[in-house]
Amino acid sequence: MSSSLAAIHVAKKKLGLDDDTYRAKLERITGKPSAKDMTEAEREKVLTVFRNEGFTKTPTARRIDGRQKLTGKYAKKLQALWIAAWNLGIVRDRDDKALIAFVKRQTGIDHTRFLVYAEDAKRSIEALKSWIARQAGVSYGNTNGYDWLAADGAKVAWAQWKILTPGAGLIVRKGFDSEVAKLTGKSMLQELTAADWQIVMNGFGRQIRNLEATKP
């Protein structure tokens, strides 16, 4: 068995394709329902599609708790938005299965690893952004003239702070800067990286969930 043929069989298993779906996909890509009947160039074409759908020959990426990481070209962006929504108290279930169900409702596609085309991914990404903007007032694409608000993480963190401290305003950010500094060790908001803002979002997210838990 050639290496490309073996890789296609591994990809079938890792992508969770049943026999009918697998054969239909092969035929759609090359016009042939069997990898055995393909030329080497056709097999490489199939593998390119499978890689775009999340297949990799490296060991499956796992989180610290052992769960498999979400895969696919647009998975990271979608997961970042989903976790942002969870930290804002909008999403009640952080689990990847809930995100996958959301993506399917938006696109009809069963898993993030099958999101290959930009227009399909955009439908889910924009739906999430619109939901977050509508429910939590996150102004994606708008900095209100403040450089530190350029990062999406900063926008989410500021929306979280307004949930935690009703009446907060950009001109008087009472308590916000000091709380951010406490979480990140950085006193200037402009110095914060995307990773720093994630720390802030996670910290504020815990506070929001604790606040929700105390409500009658």
Foldseek 3Di string as FASTA:
>chain_A
DDPLLVLLVVLCVVVVPDLVRQQVLLCVQPVGSDPVPDDPVSSVSSVVLSVQLFDDPDPFDADPVGHGDAGHPCRVVLLVLLVLCLLLVNDPDSDVVVSQVLLCVQQVDRGRSNPRDPVSSVSSNVVSVVSCCVPQVQDPPDDVPDLLSVDSLNSSLVSLVCVVPPPADPVCNPPSQVLLCVQQVDNDSNPDDPVSSVSSSVVSSVVVVVVVVPDD
